[in-house]
């Protein structure tokens, strides 16, 4: 899953939820369930996520939404499997290559023969 977020130091919960196409309540729930997500909070209580938090959320999203893990299973996988981050990076690269190949195929299919 490719996350479309600009390069910033902090992201609001609304930006994060929109990037993952989920509700803000789900992000807050995952924050309670997974100790690796630790957004900064201002005096009003607004959450600001760092790029590291985004990577952790991406791993959780991959395990729970794409792989179908339960929250307990995802929690265990995150603590025992250190290669999840590498796997997600590889999947992102492969999705990019697939998209480029599909564009190429489409452009070749449009040419008259």
PDB file of N, CA and C in Angstrom:
ATOM      1  N   UNK A   1       0.836  -1.171   0.000  1.00  0.00           N
ATOM      2  CA  UNK A   1       0.000   0.000   0.000  1.00  0.00           C
ATOM      3  C   UNK A   1       0.883   1.237   0.000  1.00  0.00           C
ATOM      4  N   UNK A   2       0.673   2.088  -0.944  1.00  0.00           N
ATOM      5  CA  UNK A   2       1.440   3.326  -1.058  1.00  0.00           C
ATOM      6  C   UNK A   2       0.719   4.432  -0.308  1.00  0.00           C
ATOM      7  N   UNK A   3       1.430   5.076   0.589  1.00  0.00           N
ATOM      8  CA  UNK A   3       0.875   6.160   1.386  1.00  0.00           C
ATOM      9  C   UNK A   3       1.288   7.479   0.753  1.00  0.00           C
ATOM     10  N   UNK A   4       0.315   8.318   0.437  1.00  0.00           N
ATOM     11  CA  UNK A   4       0.591   9.610  -0.177  1.00  0.00           C
ATOM     12  C   UNK A   4       0.567  10.698   0.880  1.00  0.00           C
ATOM     13  N   UNK A   5       1.712  10.930   1.486  1.00  0.00           N
ATOM     14  CA  UNK A   5       1.865  11.993   2.469  1.00  0.00           C
ATOM     15  C   UNK A   5       3.082  12.831   2.092  1.00  0.00           C
ATOM     16  N   UNK A   6       2.982  14.149   2.241  1.00  0.00           N
ATOM     17  CA  UNK A   6       4.154  14.988   1.961  1.00  0.00           C
ATOM     18  C   UNK A   6       5.215  14.775   3.037  1.00  0.00           C
ATOM     19  N   UNK A   7       6.445  15.137   2.718  1.00  0.00           N
ATOM     20  CA  UNK A   7       7.532  15.023   3.695  1.00  0.00           C
ATOM     21  C   UNK A   7       7.394  16.136   4.729  1.00  0.00           C
ATOM     22  N   UNK A   8       7.045  15.732   5.943  1.00  0.00           N
ATOM     23  CA  UNK A   8       6.897  16.679   7.045  1.00  0.00           C
ATOM     24  C   UNK A   8       7.432  16.028   8.309  1.00  0.00           C
ATOM     25  N   UNK A   9       7.633  16.829   9.330  1.00  0.00           N
ATOM     26  CA  UNK A   9       8.060  16.297  10.619  1.00  0.00           C
ATOM     27  C   UNK A   9       6.898  15.663  11.367  1.00  0.00           C
ATOM     28  N   UNK A  10       5.706  16.261  11.250  1.00  0.00           N
ATOM     29  CA  UNK A  10       4.542  15.769  11.970  1.00  0.00           C
ATOM     30  C   UNK A  10       3.311  15.791  11.069  1.00  0.00           C
ATOM     31  N   UNK A  11       2.445  14.810  11.274  1.00  0.00           N
ATOM     32  CA  UNK A  11       1.198  14.704  10.531  1.00  0.00           C
ATOM     33  C   UNK A  11       0.044  14.672  11.516  1.00  0.00           C
ATOM     34  N   UNK A  12      -1.038  15.362  11.187  1.00  0.00           N
ATOM     35  CA  UNK A  12      -2.216  15.332  12.049  1.00  0.00           C
ATOM     36  C   UNK A  12      -2.927  13.997  11.875  1.00  0.00           C
ATOM     37  N   UNK A  13      -3.792  13.682  12.814  1.00  0.00           N
ATOM     38  CA  UNK A  13      -4.507  12.415  12.752  1.00  0.00           C
ATOM     39  C   UNK A  13      -5.433  12.385  11.531  1.00  0.00           C
ATOM     40  N   UNK A  14      -5.945  13.532  11.136  1.00  0.00           N
ATOM     41  CA  UNK A  14      -6.793  13.600   9.953  1.00  0.00           C
ATOM     42  C   UNK A  14      -6.031  13.265   8.677  1.00  0.00           C
ATOM     43  N   UNK A  15      -4.810  13.789   8.569  1.00  0.00           N
ATOM     44  CA  UNK A  15      -3.973  13.483   7.416  1.00  0.00           C
ATOM     45  C   UNK A  15      -3.633  11.997   7.361  1.00  0.00           C
ATOM     46  N   UNK A  16      -3.324  11.430   8.514  1.00  0.00           N
ATOM     47  CA  UNK A  16      -2.954  10.020   8.589  1.00  0.00           C
ATOM     48  C   UNK A  16      -4.147   9.141   8.223  1.00  0.00           C
ATOM     49  N   UNK A  17      -5.308   9.455   8.783  1.00  0.00           N
ATOM     50  CA  UNK A  17      -6.507   8.667   8.506  1.00  0.00           C
ATOM     51  C   UNK A  17      -6.867   8.741   7.025  1.00  0.00           C
ATOM     52  N   UNK A  18      -6.740   9.907   6.433  1.00  0.00           N
ATOM     53  CA  UNK A  18      -7.046  10.064   5.005  1.00  0.00           C
ATOM     54  C   UNK A  18      -6.056   9.272   4.144  1.00  0.00           C
ATOM     55  N   UNK A  19      -4.783   9.280   4.528  1.00  0.00           N
ATOM     56  CA  UNK A  19      -3.763   8.558   3.766  1.00  0.00           C
ATOM     57  C   UNK A  19      -4.017   7.049   3.796  1.00  0.00           C
ATOM     58  N   UNK A  20      -4.479   6.544   4.933  1.00  0.00           N
ATOM     59  CA  UNK A  20      -4.752   5.112   5.062  1.00  0.00           C
ATOM     60  C   UNK A  20      -6.185   4.757   4.667  1.00  0.00           C
ATOM     61  N   UNK A  21      -7.004   5.769   4.394  1.00  0.00           N
ATOM     62  CA  UNK A  21      -8.411   5.590   4.028  1.00  0.00           C
ATOM     63  C   UNK A  21      -9.168   4.843   5.138  1.00  0.00           C
ATOM     64  N   UNK A  22      -8.970   5.300   6.368  1.00  0.00           N
ATOM     65  CA  UNK A  22      -9.675   4.749   7.533  1.00  0.00           C
ATOM     66  C   UNK A  22     -10.200   5.920   8.362  1.00  0.00           C
ATOM     67  N   UNK A  23     -11.031   5.604   9.343  1.00  0.00           N
ATOM     68  CA  UNK A  23     -11.539   6.626  10.256  1.00  0.00           C
ATOM     69  C   UNK A  23     -10.471   6.998  11.283  1.00  0.00           C
ATOM     70  N   UNK A  24     -10.575   8.224  11.783  1.00  0.00           N
ATOM     71  CA  UNK A  24      -9.634   8.654  12.817  1.00  0.00           C
ATOM     72  C   UNK A  24      -9.796   7.808  14.079  1.00  0.00           C
ATOM     73  N   UNK A  25     -11.007   7.322  14.320  1.00  0.00           N
ATOM     74  CA  UNK A  25     -11.228   6.497  15.507  1.00  0.00           C
ATOM     75  C   UNK A  25     -10.414   5.203  15.440  1.00  0.00           C
ATOM     76  N   UNK A  26     -10.229   4.656  14.245  1.00  0.00           N
ATOM     77  CA  UNK A  26      -9.426   3.445  14.102  1.00  0.00           C
ATOM     78  C   UNK A  26      -7.958   3.737  14.435  1.00  0.00           C
ATOM     79  N   UNK A  27      -7.470   4.884  14.015  1.00  0.00           N
ATOM     80  CA  UNK A  27      -6.090   5.265  14.328  1.00  0.00           C
ATOM     81  C   UNK A  27      -5.931   5.402  15.844  1.00  0.00           C
ATOM     82  N   UNK A  28      -6.897   6.044  16.498  1.00  0.00           N
ATOM     83  CA  UNK A  28      -6.830   6.186  17.956  1.00  0.00           C
ATOM     84  C   UNK A  28      -6.904   4.825  18.640  1.00  0.00           C
ATOM     85  N   UNK A  29      -7.727   3.929  18.111  1.00  0.00           N
ATOM     86  CA  UNK A  29      -7.845   2.590  18.681  1.00  0.00           C
ATOM     87  C   UNK A  29      -6.530   1.823  18.544  1.00  0.00           C
ATOM     88  N   UNK A  30      -5.931   1.881  17.361  1.00  0.00           N
ATOM     89  CA  UNK A  30      -4.647   1.211  17.158  1.00  0.00           C
ATOM     90  C   UNK A  30      -3.582   1.801  18.084  1.00  0.00           C
ATOM     91  N   UNK A  31      -3.678   3.090  18.344  1.00  0.00           N
ATOM     92  CA  UNK A  31      -2.722   3.726  19.260  1.00  0.00           C
ATOM     93  C   UNK A  31      -2.830   3.096  20.652  1.00  0.00           C
ATOM     94  N   UNK A  32      -4.033   2.782  21.087  1.00  0.00           N
ATOM     95  CA  UNK A  32      -4.232   2.135  22.391  1.00  0.00           C
ATOM     96  C   UNK A  32      -3.752   0.690  22.380  1.00  0.00           C
ATOM     97  N   UNK A  33      -3.953   0.000  21.267  1.00  0.00           N
ATOM     98  CA  UNK A  33      -3.667  -1.431  21.182  1.00  0.00           C
ATOM     99  C   UNK A  33      -2.197  -1.755  20.920  1.00  0.00           C
ATOM    100  N   UNK A  34      -1.491  -0.876  20.254  1.00  0.00           N
ATOM    101  CA  UNK A  34      -0.105  -1.140  19.866  1.00  0.00           C
ATOM    102  C   UNK A  34       0.821  -0.111  20.516  1.00  0.00           C
ATOM    103  N   UNK A  35       1.679  -0.555  21.409  1.00  0.00           N
ATOM    104  CA  UNK A  35       2.560   0.385  22.114  1.00  0.00           C
ATOM    105  C   UNK A  35       3.625   1.038  21.231  1.00  0.00           C
ATOM    106  N   UNK A  36       3.824   0.529  20.013  1.00  0.00           N
ATOM    107  CA  UNK A  36       4.843   1.137  19.148  1.00  0.00           C
ATOM    108  C   UNK A  36       4.369   2.458  18.542  1.00  0.00           C
ATOM    109  N   UNK A  37       3.074   2.731  18.618  1.00  0.00           N
ATOM    110  CA  UNK A  37       2.539   3.994  18.095  1.00  0.00           C
ATOM    111  C   UNK A  37       2.475   4.986  19.251  1.00  0.00           C
ATOM    112  N   UNK A  38       3.312   6.004  19.171  1.00  0.00           N
ATOM    113  CA  UNK A  38       3.380   7.002  20.239  1.00  0.00           C
ATOM    114  C   UNK A  38       3.373   8.407  19.638  1.00  0.00           C
ATOM    115  N   UNK A  39       2.204   8.893  19.228  1.00  0.00           N
ATOM    116  CA  UNK A  39       2.180  10.246  18.651  1.00  0.00           C
ATOM    117  C   UNK A  39       2.426  11.309  19.724  1.00  0.00           C
ATOM    118  N   UNK A  40       2.973  12.408  19.280  1.00  0.00           N
ATOM    119  CA  UNK A  40       3.151  13.551  20.175  1.00  0.00           C
ATOM    120  C   UNK A  40       1.775  14.194  20.367  1.00  0.00           C
ATOM    121  N   UNK A  41       1.546  14.743  21.549  1.00  0.00           N
ATOM    122  CA  UNK A  41       0.288  15.433  21.816  1.00  0.00           C
ATOM    123  C   UNK A  41       0.591  16.832  22.329  1.00  0.00           C
ATOM    124  N   UNK A  42      -0.199  17.800  21.836  1.00  0.00           N
ATOM    125  CA  UNK A  42      -0.026  19.157  22.339  1.00  0.00           C
ATOM    126  C   UNK A  42      -0.909  19.352  23.576  1.00  0.00           C
ATOM    127  N   UNK A  43      -0.958  20.572  24.086  1.00  0.00           N
ATOM    128  CA  UNK A  43      -1.717  20.832  25.312  1.00  0.00           C
ATOM    129  C   UNK A  43      -3.213  20.580  25.126  1.00  0.00           C
ATOM    130  N   UNK A  44      -3.696  20.755  23.910  1.00  0.00           N
ATOM    131  CA  UNK A  44      -5.117  20.495  23.645  1.00  0.00           C
ATOM    132  C   UNK A  44      -5.406  19.011  23.489  1.00  0.00           C
ATOM    133  N   UNK A  45      -4.373  18.205  23.348  1.00  0.00           N
ATOM    134  CA  UNK A  45      -4.567  16.771  23.171  1.00  0.00           C
ATOM    135  C   UNK A  45      -4.563  16.322  21.721  1.00  0.00           C
ATOM    136  N   UNK A  46      -4.268  17.238  20.796  1.00  0.00           N
ATOM    137  CA  UNK A  46      -4.195  16.869  19.382  1.00  0.00           C
ATOM    138  C   UNK A  46      -2.987  15.981  19.143  1.00  0.00           C
ATOM    139  N   UNK A  47      -3.191  14.938  18.365  1.00  0.00           N
ATOM    140  CA  UNK A  47      -2.116  13.987  18.084  1.00  0.00           C
ATOM    141  C   UNK A  47      -1.347  14.417  16.839  1.00  0.00           C
ATOM    142  N   UNK A  48      -0.033  14.289  16.916  1.00  0.00           N
ATOM    143  CA  UNK A  48       0.829  14.562  15.779  1.00  0.00           C
ATOM    144  C   UNK A  48       1.764  13.372  15.596  1.00  0.00           C
ATOM    145  N   UNK A  49       1.671  12.751  14.436  1.00  0.00           N
ATOM    146  CA  UNK A  49       2.406  11.526  14.154  1.00  0.00           C
ATOM    147  C   UNK A  49       3.702  11.837  13.415  1.00  0.00           C
ATOM    148  N   UNK A  50       4.760  11.157  13.802  1.00  0.00           N
ATOM    149  CA  UNK A  50       6.054  11.303  13.154  1.00  0.00           C
ATOM    150  C   UNK A  50       6.140  10.317  11.978  1.00  0.00           C
ATOM    151  N   UNK A  51       7.120  10.489  11.092  1.00  0.00           N
ATOM    152  CA  UNK A  51       7.305   9.506  10.014  1.00  0.00           C
ATOM    153  C   UNK A  51       7.526   8.086  10.542  1.00  0.00           C
ATOM    154  N   UNK A  52       8.145   7.957  11.705  1.00  0.00           N
ATOM    155  CA  UNK A  52       8.332   6.635  12.316  1.00  0.00           C
ATOM    156  C   UNK A  52       6.979   6.036  12.704  1.00  0.00           C
ATOM    157  N   UNK A  53       6.095   6.864  13.246  1.00  0.00           N
ATOM    158  CA  UNK A  53       4.741   6.398  13.562  1.00  0.00           C
ATOM    159  C   UNK A  53       4.014   5.947  12.299  1.00  0.00           C
ATOM    160  N   UNK A  54       4.220   6.668  11.208  1.00  0.00           N
ATOM    161  CA  UNK A  54       3.573   6.328   9.940  1.00  0.00           C
ATOM    162  C   UNK A  54       4.059   4.958   9.469  1.00  0.00           C
ATOM    163  N   UNK A  55       5.352   4.692   9.591  1.00  0.00           N
ATOM    164  CA  UNK A  55       5.885   3.378   9.203  1.00  0.00           C
ATOM    165  C   UNK A  55       5.278   2.276  10.058  1.00  0.00           C
ATOM    166  N   UNK A  56       5.156   2.531  11.357  1.00  0.00           N
ATOM    167  CA  UNK A  56       4.549   1.542  12.253  1.00  0.00           C
ATOM    168  C   UNK A  56       3.077   1.323  11.914  1.00  0.00           C
ATOM    169  N   UNK A  57       2.372   2.406  11.627  1.00  0.00           N
ATOM    170  CA  UNK A  57       0.966   2.273  11.228  1.00  0.00           C
ATOM    171  C   UNK A  57       0.841   1.505   9.914  1.00  0.00           C
ATOM    172  N   UNK A  58       1.786   1.714   9.024  1.00  0.00           N
ATOM    173  CA  UNK A  58       1.771   0.999   7.754  1.00  0.00           C
ATOM    174  C   UNK A  58       1.962  -0.496   7.979  1.00  0.00           C
ATOM    175  N   UNK A  59       2.837  -0.862   8.906  1.00  0.00           N
ATOM    176  CA  UNK A  59       3.024  -2.282   9.220  1.00  0.00           C
ATOM    177  C   UNK A  59       1.746  -2.868   9.825  1.00  0.00           C
ATOM    178  N   UNK A  60       1.127  -2.130  10.738  1.00  0.00           N
ATOM    179  CA  UNK A  60      -0.106  -2.600  11.361  1.00  0.00           C
ATOM    180  C   UNK A  60      -1.211  -2.723  10.324  1.00  0.00           C
ATOM    181  N   UNK A  61      -1.324  -1.727   9.452  1.00  0.00           N
ATOM    182  CA  UNK A  61      -2.337  -1.761   8.404  1.00  0.00           C
ATOM    183  C   UNK A  61      -2.134  -2.978   7.509  1.00  0.00           C
ATOM    184  N   UNK A  62      -0.893  -3.239   7.137  1.00  0.00           N
ATOM    185  CA  UNK A  62      -0.584  -4.384   6.276  1.00  0.00           C
ATOM    186  C   UNK A  62      -1.005  -5.686   6.945  1.00  0.00           C
ATOM    187  N   UNK A  63      -0.663  -5.843   8.200  1.00  0.00           N
ATOM    188  CA  UNK A  63      -0.975  -7.087   8.902  1.00  0.00           C
ATOM    189  C   UNK A  63      -2.471  -7.255   9.127  1.00  0.00           C
ATOM    190  N   UNK A  64      -3.132  -6.205   9.576  1.00  0.00           N
ATOM    191  CA  UNK A  64      -4.541  -6.314   9.964  1.00  0.00           C
ATOM    192  C   UNK A  64      -5.476  -6.246   8.758  1.00  0.00           C
ATOM    193  N   UNK A  65      -5.286  -5.261   7.907  1.00  0.00           N
ATOM    194  CA  UNK A  65      -6.226  -5.043   6.804  1.00  0.00           C
ATOM    195  C   UNK A  65      -5.907  -5.880   5.566  1.00  0.00           C
ATOM    196  N   UNK A  66      -4.639  -6.026   5.244  1.00  0.00           N
ATOM    197  CA  UNK A  66      -4.281  -6.732   4.011  1.00  0.00           C
ATOM    198  C   UNK A  66      -4.062  -8.224   4.236  1.00  0.00           C
ATOM    199  N   UNK A  67      -3.432  -8.590   5.339  1.00  0.00           N
ATOM    200  CA  UNK A  67      -3.148 -10.000   5.615  1.00  0.00           C
ATOM    201  C   UNK A  67      -4.239 -10.675   6.439  1.00  0.00           C
ATOM    202  N   UNK A  68      -5.100  -9.900   7.091  1.00  0.00           N
ATOM    203  CA  UNK A  68      -6.203 -10.464   7.849  1.00  0.00           C
ATOM    204  C   UNK A  68      -5.846 -10.952   9.239  1.00  0.00           C
ATOM    205  N   UNK A  69      -4.773 -10.440   9.810  1.00  0.00           N
ATOM    206  CA  UNK A  69      -4.385 -10.817  11.161  1.00  0.00           C
ATOM    207  C   UNK A  69      -5.380 -10.234  12.164  1.00  0.00           C
ATOM    208  N   UNK A  70      -5.539 -10.913  13.285  1.00  0.00           N
ATOM    209  CA  UNK A  70      -6.259 -10.314  14.403  1.00  0.00           C
ATOM    210  C   UNK A  70      -5.320  -9.312  15.062  1.00  0.00           C
ATOM    211  N   UNK A  71      -5.862  -8.488  15.945  1.00  0.00           N
ATOM    212  CA  UNK A  71      -5.002  -7.516  16.617  1.00  0.00           C
ATOM    213  C   UNK A  71      -3.958  -8.213  17.480  1.00  0.00           C
ATOM    214  N   UNK A  72      -4.362  -9.292  18.158  1.00  0.00           N
ATOM    215  CA  UNK A  72      -3.394 -10.049  18.951  1.00  0.00           C
ATOM    216  C   UNK A  72      -2.326 -10.673  18.062  1.00  0.00           C
ATOM    217  N   UNK A  73      -2.740 -11.227  16.934  1.00  0.00           N
ATOM    218  CA  UNK A  73      -1.791 -11.824  16.003  1.00  0.00           C
ATOM    219  C   UNK A  73      -0.834 -10.799  15.433  1.00  0.00           C
ATOM    220  N   UNK A  74      -1.353  -9.616  15.116  1.00  0.00           N
ATOM    221  CA  UNK A  74      -0.497  -8.546  14.590  1.00  0.00           C
ATOM    222  C   UNK A  74       0.488  -8.084  15.655  1.00  0.00           C
ATOM    223  N   UNK A  75       0.034  -7.991  16.897  1.00  0.00           N
ATOM    224  CA  UNK A  75       0.909  -7.579  17.994  1.00  0.00           C
ATOM    225  C   UNK A  75       2.056  -8.576  18.166  1.00  0.00           C
ATOM    226  N   UNK A  76       1.726  -9.860  18.102  1.00  0.00           N
ATOM    227  CA  UNK A  76       2.747 -10.909  18.226  1.00  0.00           C
ATOM    228  C   UNK A  76       3.705 -10.854  17.040  1.00  0.00           C
ATOM    229  N   UNK A  77       3.165 -10.697  15.841  1.00  0.00           N
ATOM    230  CA  UNK A  77       3.999 -10.651  14.639  1.00  0.00           C
ATOM    231  C   UNK A  77       4.963  -9.466  14.683  1.00  0.00           C
ATOM    232  N   UNK A  78       4.498  -8.339  15.174  1.00  0.00           N
ATOM    233  CA  UNK A  78       5.362  -7.158  15.251  1.00  0.00           C
ATOM    234  C   UNK A  78       6.503  -7.359  16.244  1.00  0.00           C
ATOM    235  N   UNK A  79       6.249  -8.088  17.314  1.00  0.00           N
ATOM    236  CA  UNK A  79       7.299  -8.281  18.308  1.00  0.00           C
ATOM    237  C   UNK A  79       8.258  -9.407  17.939  1.00  0.00           C
ATOM    238  N   UNK A  80       7.787 -10.395  17.171  1.00  0.00           N
ATOM    239  CA  UNK A  80       8.644 -11.550  16.869  1.00  0.00           C
ATOM    240  C   UNK A  80       9.290 -11.487  15.493  1.00  0.00           C
ATOM    241  N   UNK A  81       8.671 -10.809  14.541  1.00  0.00           N
ATOM    242  CA  UNK A  81       9.181 -10.797  13.175  1.00  0.00           C
ATOM    243  C   UNK A  81       9.771  -9.429  12.855  1.00  0.00           C
ATOM    244  N   UNK A  82      11.084  -9.371  12.775  1.00  0.00           N
ATOM    245  CA  UNK A  82      11.751  -8.090  12.514  1.00  0.00           C
ATOM    246  C   UNK A  82      11.796  -7.738  11.029  1.00  0.00           C
ATOM    247  N   UNK A  83      11.384  -8.644  10.163  1.00  0.00           N
ATOM    248  CA  UNK A  83      11.470  -8.403   8.723  1.00  0.00           C
ATOM    249  C   UNK A  83      10.183  -7.861   8.115  1.00  0.00           C
ATOM    250  N   UNK A  84       9.192  -7.517   8.925  1.00  0.00           N
ATOM    251  CA  UNK A  84       7.925  -7.012   8.397  1.00  0.00           C
ATOM    252  C   UNK A  84       8.142  -5.703   7.644  1.00  0.00           C
ATOM    253  N   UNK A  85       8.973  -4.838   8.180  1.00  0.00           N
ATOM    254  CA  UNK A  85       9.253  -3.559   7.529  1.00  0.00           C
ATOM    255  C   UNK A  85       9.874  -3.782   6.149  1.00  0.00           C
ATOM    256  N   UNK A  86      10.825  -4.712   6.059  1.00  0.00           N
ATOM    257  CA  UNK A  86      11.444  -5.023   4.768  1.00  0.00           C
ATOM    258  C   UNK A  86      10.416  -5.588   3.798  1.00  0.00           C
ATOM    259  N   UNK A  87       9.539  -6.438   4.288  1.00  0.00           N
ATOM    260  CA  UNK A  87       8.503  -7.038   3.446  1.00  0.00           C
ATOM    261  C   UNK A  87       7.593  -5.970   2.876  1.00  0.00           C
ATOM    262  N   UNK A  88       7.187  -5.020   3.692  1.00  0.00           N
ATOM    263  CA  UNK A  88       6.312  -3.945   3.222  1.00  0.00           C
ATOM    264  C   UNK A  88       7.023  -3.084   2.188  1.00  0.00           C
ATOM    265  N   UNK A  89       8.300  -2.816   2.389  1.00  0.00           N
ATOM    266  CA  UNK A  89       9.080  -2.043   1.419  1.00  0.00           C
ATOM    267  C   UNK A  89       9.135  -2.772   0.079  1.00  0.00           C
ATOM    268  N   UNK A  90       9.357  -4.069   0.123  1.00  0.00           N
ATOM    269  CA  UNK A  90       9.409  -4.869  -1.107  1.00  0.00           C
ATOM    270  C   UNK A  90       8.050  -4.875  -1.804  1.00  0.00           C
ATOM    271  N   UNK A  91       6.985  -5.019  -1.040  1.00  0.00           N
ATOM    272  CA  UNK A  91       5.635  -5.011  -1.618  1.00  0.00           C
ATOM    273  C   UNK A  91       5.362  -3.670  -2.296  1.00  0.00           C
ATOM    274  N   UNK A  92       5.742  -2.559  -1.656  1.00  0.00           N
ATOM    275  CA  UNK A  92       5.558  -1.238  -2.261  1.00  0.00           C
ATOM    276  C   UNK A  92       6.318  -1.125  -3.579  1.00  0.00           C
ATOM    277  N   UNK A  93       7.549  -1.620  -3.600  1.00  0.00           N
ATOM    278  CA  UNK A  93       8.346  -1.572  -4.839  1.00  0.00           C
ATOM    279  C   UNK A  93       7.694  -2.401  -5.940  1.00  0.00           C
ATOM    280  N   UNK A  94       7.238  -3.593  -5.577  1.00  0.00           N
ATOM    281  CA  UNK A  94       6.602  -4.465  -6.566  1.00  0.00           C
ATOM    282  C   UNK A  94       5.302  -3.856  -7.098  1.00  0.00           C
ATOM    283  N   UNK A  95       4.529  -3.214  -6.231  1.00  0.00           N
ATOM    284  CA  UNK A  95       3.310  -2.552  -6.692  1.00  0.00           C
ATOM    285  C   UNK A  95       3.637  -1.415  -7.648  1.00  0.00           C
ATOM    286  N   UNK A  96       4.710  -0.688  -7.379  1.00  0.00           N
ATOM    287  CA  UNK A  96       5.135   0.386  -8.275  1.00  0.00           C
ATOM    288  C   UNK A  96       5.537  -0.176  -9.628  1.00  0.00           C
ATOM    289  N   UNK A  97       6.326  -1.249  -9.624  1.00  0.00           N
ATOM    290  CA  UNK A  97       6.760  -1.881 -10.878  1.00  0.00           C
ATOM    291  C   UNK A  97       5.546  -2.396 -11.652  1.00  0.00           C
ATOM    292  N   UNK A  98       4.602  -2.997 -10.959  1.00  0.00           N
ATOM    293  CA  UNK A  98       3.388  -3.510 -11.609  1.00  0.00           C
ATOM    294  C   UNK A  98       2.621  -2.373 -12.273  1.00  0.00           C
ATOM    295  N   UNK A  99       2.478  -1.253 -11.567  1.00  0.00           N
ATOM    296  CA  UNK A  99       1.764  -0.103 -12.130  1.00  0.00           C
ATOM    297  C   UNK A  99       2.475   0.414 -13.375  1.00  0.00           C
ATOM    298  N   UNK A 100       3.799   0.482 -13.327  1.00  0.00           N
ATOM    299  CA  UNK A 100       4.555   0.946 -14.486  1.00  0.00           C
ATOM    300  C   UNK A 100       4.411  -0.012 -15.670  1.00  0.00           C
ATOM    301  N   UNK A 101       4.442  -1.310 -15.382  1.00  0.00           N
ATOM    302  CA  UNK A 101       4.274  -2.296 -16.452  1.00  0.00           C
ATOM    303  C   UNK A 101       2.882  -2.230 -17.055  1.00  0.00           C
ATOM    304  N   UNK A 102       1.879  -1.999 -16.228  1.00  0.00           N
ATOM    305  CA  UNK A 102       0.513  -1.873 -16.747  1.00  0.00           C
ATOM    306  C   UNK A 102       0.376  -0.634 -17.621  1.00  0.00           C
ATOM    307  N   UNK A 103       1.032   0.477 -17.232  1.00  0.00           N
ATOM    308  CA  UNK A 103       1.026   1.673 -18.074  1.00  0.00           C
ATOM    309  C   UNK A 103       1.686   1.383 -19.415  1.00  0.00           C
ATOM    310  N   UNK A 104       2.804   0.674 -19.368  1.00  0.00           N
ATOM    311  CA  UNK A 104       3.517   0.325 -20.589  1.00  0.00           C
ATOM    312  C   UNK A 104       2.663  -0.571 -21.477  1.00  0.00           C
ATOM    313  N   UNK A 105       2.021  -1.548 -20.896  1.00  0.00           N
ATOM    314  CA  UNK A 105       1.152  -2.450 -21.645  1.00  0.00           C
ATOM    315  C   UNK A 105       0.008  -1.680 -22.289  1.00  0.00           C
ATOM    316  N   UNK A 106      -0.571  -0.746 -21.529  1.00  0.00           N
ATOM    317  CA  UNK A 106      -1.681   0.045 -22.047  1.00  0.00           C
ATOM    318  C   UNK A 106      -1.232   0.915 -23.217  1.00  0.00           C
ATOM    319  N   UNK A 107      -0.044   1.510 -23.092  1.00  0.00           N
ATOM    320  CA  UNK A 107       0.449   2.370 -24.174  1.00  0.00           C
ATOM    321  C   UNK A 107       0.786   1.548 -25.403  1.00  0.00           C
ATOM    322  N   UNK A 108       1.267   0.305 -25.223  1.00  0.00           N
ATOM    323  CA  UNK A 108       1.558  -0.549 -26.367  1.00  0.00           C
ATOM    324  C   UNK A 108       0.275  -1.060 -27.014  1.00  0.00           C
ATOM    325  N   UNK A 109      -0.760  -1.258 -26.214  1.00  0.00           N
ATOM    326  CA  UNK A 109      -2.030  -1.743 -26.741  1.00  0.00           C
ATOM    327  C   UNK A 109      -2.769  -0.700 -27.539  1.00  0.00           C
ATOM    328  N   UNK A 110      -2.483   0.586 -27.310  1.00  0.00           N
ATOM    329  CA  UNK A 110      -3.173   1.656 -28.019  1.00  0.00           C
ATOM    330  C   UNK A 110      -2.594   1.921 -29.406  1.00  0.00           C
ATOM    331  N   UNK A 111      -1.400   1.450 -29.671  1.00  0.00           N
ATOM    332  CA  UNK A 111      -0.781   1.745 -30.975  1.00  0.00           C
ATOM    333  C   UNK A 111      -1.447   0.922 -32.085  1.00  0.00           C
ATOM    334  N   UNK A 112      -1.663   1.534 -33.260  1.00  0.00           N
ATOM    335  CA  UNK A 112      -2.267   0.787 -34.378  1.00  0.00           C
ATOM    336  C   UNK A 112      -1.302  -0.252 -34.931  1.00  0.00           C
ATOM    337  N   UNK A 113      -1.856  -1.375 -35.307  1.00  0.00           N
ATOM    338  CA  UNK A 113      -1.019  -2.449 -35.829  1.00  0.00           C
ATOM    339  C   UNK A 113      -1.336  -2.737 -37.275  1.00  0.00           C
TER     340      UNK A 113
END
